[in-house]
């Protein structure tokens, strides 16, 4: 079985699992019905953009679609997506769920890090209890300091 046939079969299987007709998927992905049919039968190789549109319509991550299409080599891409996509011990639905969970964790962690950075930046802008540096002291402060030391 060729790589195109494998990709087409994968898309067909995902479409059937999602209980979407060929016509519905074509409409959701923004491609013609005959073109999608040819992709599923392994007769046409979709572009990266079309793969992304099909993946979005089926709720499959773009890296998984690219790996399936051979646009990303497992060894080159590395990372979690590649490990999940190439694990033969998982079925396609399990792979999809793992990628979704992983992406959710990454988004949550990125949002938390961004919030922490904003909080840190806000605290840096707020005047604290730190003594003023010499270049930040009020005019005449040096004279007052000398006056106090002379009185001592």
Protein backbone atom coordinates (compact mmCIF):
# COMPACT_ATOMS: atom_id res chain seq x y z
CA UNK A 1 0.00 0.00 0.00
CA UNK A 2 1.41 3.40 -0.98
CA UNK A 3 1.76 6.40 1.29
CA UNK A 4 -1.08 8.12 -0.58
CA UNK A 5 -3.35 5.13 -0.07
CA UNK A 6 -2.44 5.04 3.62
CA UNK A 7 -3.23 8.73 3.98
CA UNK A 8 -6.49 8.37 2.10
CA UNK A 9 -7.51 5.38 4.20
CA UNK A 10 -6.63 7.28 7.38
CA UNK A 11 -8.78 10.25 6.32
CA UNK A 12 -11.66 7.95 5.34
CA UNK A 13 -11.43 6.10 8.67
CA UNK A 14 -11.39 9.36 10.64
CA UNK A 15 -14.35 10.68 8.64
CA UNK A 16 -16.34 7.52 9.28
CA UNK A 17 -15.44 7.54 12.99
CA UNK A 18 -16.68 11.12 13.15
CA UNK A 19 -19.84 10.00 11.33
CA UNK A 20 -19.45 12.65 8.66
CA UNK A 21 -20.33 12.08 5.02
CA UNK A 22 -17.82 12.71 2.27
CA UNK A 23 -19.91 15.66 1.13
CA UNK A 24 -20.03 17.16 4.65
CA UNK A 25 -16.27 16.80 5.12
CA UNK A 26 -15.60 18.36 1.73
CA UNK A 27 -17.77 21.32 2.67
CA UNK A 28 -16.16 21.68 6.13
CA UNK A 29 -12.67 21.47 4.64
CA UNK A 30 -13.44 23.83 1.79
CA UNK A 31 -12.59 21.38 -0.99
CA UNK A 32 -14.67 19.82 -3.73
CA UNK A 33 -16.40 16.51 -3.27
CA UNK A 34 -14.57 14.80 -6.17
CA UNK A 35 -11.19 16.08 -4.95
CA UNK A 36 -11.75 14.71 -1.45
CA UNK A 37 -12.91 11.42 -2.91
CA UNK A 38 -9.70 11.19 -4.94
CA UNK A 39 -7.63 11.93 -1.82
CA UNK A 40 -9.42 9.18 0.11
CA UNK A 41 -8.83 6.71 -2.74
CA UNK A 42 -5.12 7.60 -2.87
CA UNK A 43 -5.32 9.12 -6.34
CA UNK A 44 -4.40 12.70 -5.39
CA UNK A 45 -1.83 14.12 -3.00
CA UNK A 46 -3.26 17.03 -1.02
CA UNK A 47 -1.22 20.14 -0.30
CA UNK A 48 -0.18 20.99 3.25
CA UNK A 49 -2.94 23.62 3.33
CA UNK A 50 -5.63 21.14 2.29
CA UNK A 51 -4.34 18.64 4.84
CA UNK A 52 -4.63 21.29 7.53
CA UNK A 53 -8.20 22.10 6.45
CA UNK A 54 -9.17 18.43 6.48
CA UNK A 55 -7.48 17.96 9.86
CA UNK A 56 -9.33 20.97 11.29
CA UNK A 57 -12.63 19.64 9.99
CA UNK A 58 -11.93 16.23 11.56
CA UNK A 59 -10.39 17.77 14.70
CA UNK A 60 -7.03 16.14 14.06
CA UNK A 61 -3.88 18.13 14.78
CA UNK A 62 -1.96 19.44 11.80
CA UNK A 63 1.31 17.68 12.80
CA UNK A 64 -0.48 14.32 12.87
CA UNK A 65 -1.89 14.98 9.41
CA UNK A 66 1.54 16.05 8.12
CA UNK A 67 3.17 12.95 9.57
CA UNK A 68 0.53 10.74 7.98
CA UNK A 69 1.11 12.43 4.63
CA UNK A 70 4.88 12.08 4.91
CA UNK A 71 5.43 15.84 5.00
CA UNK A 72 7.19 15.48 8.33
CA UNK A 73 9.56 12.66 8.92
CA UNK A 74 9.21 11.15 12.38
CA UNK A 75 12.94 11.41 13.05
CA UNK A 76 13.17 15.03 11.85
CA UNK A 77 10.16 16.37 13.66
CA UNK A 78 10.86 14.67 16.98
CA UNK A 79 8.81 15.66 19.94
CA UNK A 80 5.59 14.46 21.39
CA UNK A 81 3.49 14.70 18.22
CA UNK A 82 5.87 12.46 16.31
CA UNK A 83 6.10 9.96 19.16
CA UNK A 84 2.34 9.72 19.40
CA UNK A 85 1.79 9.56 15.63
CA UNK A 86 4.32 6.78 15.13
CA UNK A 87 3.31 4.63 18.12
CA UNK A 88 1.84 1.46 16.63
CA UNK A 89 0.46 0.41 20.01
CA UNK A 90 -2.18 3.16 19.87
CA UNK A 91 -5.18 3.39 17.61
CA UNK A 92 -5.98 6.58 15.72
CA UNK A 93 -8.58 7.78 18.21
CA UNK A 94 -6.18 7.28 21.14
CA UNK A 95 -3.50 9.21 19.27
CA UNK A 96 -5.93 12.03 18.59
CA UNK A 97 -6.99 12.23 22.24
CA UNK A 98 -3.38 12.22 23.47
CA UNK A 99 -2.44 15.04 21.10
CA UNK A 100 -5.48 17.04 22.22
CA UNK A 101 -4.61 16.56 25.90
CA UNK A 102 -0.98 17.48 25.25
CA UNK A 103 -1.97 20.63 23.35
CA UNK A 104 -4.42 21.60 26.12
CA UNK A 105 -1.67 21.29 28.74
CA UNK A 106 0.70 23.35 26.58
CA UNK A 107 -1.88 26.10 26.09
CA UNK A 108 -2.68 26.18 29.83
CA UNK A 109 0.99 26.32 30.77
CA UNK A 110 1.68 29.04 28.21
CA UNK A 111 -1.25 31.09 29.54
CA UNK A 112 -0.06 30.64 33.14
CA UNK A 113 3.49 31.65 32.21
CA UNK A 114 2.18 34.69 30.36
CA UNK A 115 0.05 35.69 33.37
CA UNK A 116 3.05 35.26 35.69
CA UNK A 117 5.19 37.37 33.38
CA UNK A 118 2.54 40.12 33.30
CA UNK A 119 2.31 40.03 37.11
CA UNK A 120 6.10 40.23 37.41
CA UNK A 121 6.27 43.12 34.96
CA UNK A 122 3.51 44.93 36.85
CA UNK A 123 5.34 44.48 40.16
CA UNK A 124 8.54 45.81 38.58
CA UNK A 125 6.70 48.97 37.56
CA UNK A 126 5.18 49.54 41.00
CA UNK A 127 7.39 51.59 43.36
CA UNK A 128 8.57 49.33 46.13
CA UNK A 129 10.23 49.80 49.49
CA UNK A 130 13.68 49.83 47.93
CA UNK A 131 15.81 52.89 48.73
CA UNK A 132 16.25 55.19 45.79
CA UNK A 133 19.41 54.80 43.79
CA UNK A 134 21.62 57.90 43.72
CA UNK A 135 20.44 58.75 40.19
CA UNK A 136 16.81 58.60 41.35
CA UNK A 137 17.10 60.79 44.47
CA UNK A 138 15.33 64.09 44.78
CA UNK A 139 17.33 67.26 44.03
CA UNK A 140 19.02 68.58 47.16
CA UNK A 141 19.01 65.19 48.90
CA UNK A 142 22.82 65.15 48.93
CA UNK A 143 22.90 68.52 50.76
CA UNK A 144 20.43 67.22 53.35
CA UNK A 145 22.57 64.12 53.89
CA UNK A 146 25.71 66.24 54.37
CA UNK A 147 23.88 68.54 56.75
CA UNK A 148 22.76 65.59 58.87
CA UNK A 149 26.25 64.09 58.96
CA UNK A 150 27.75 67.46 60.00
CA UNK A 151 25.34 67.68 62.93
CA UNK A 152 26.35 64.28 64.21
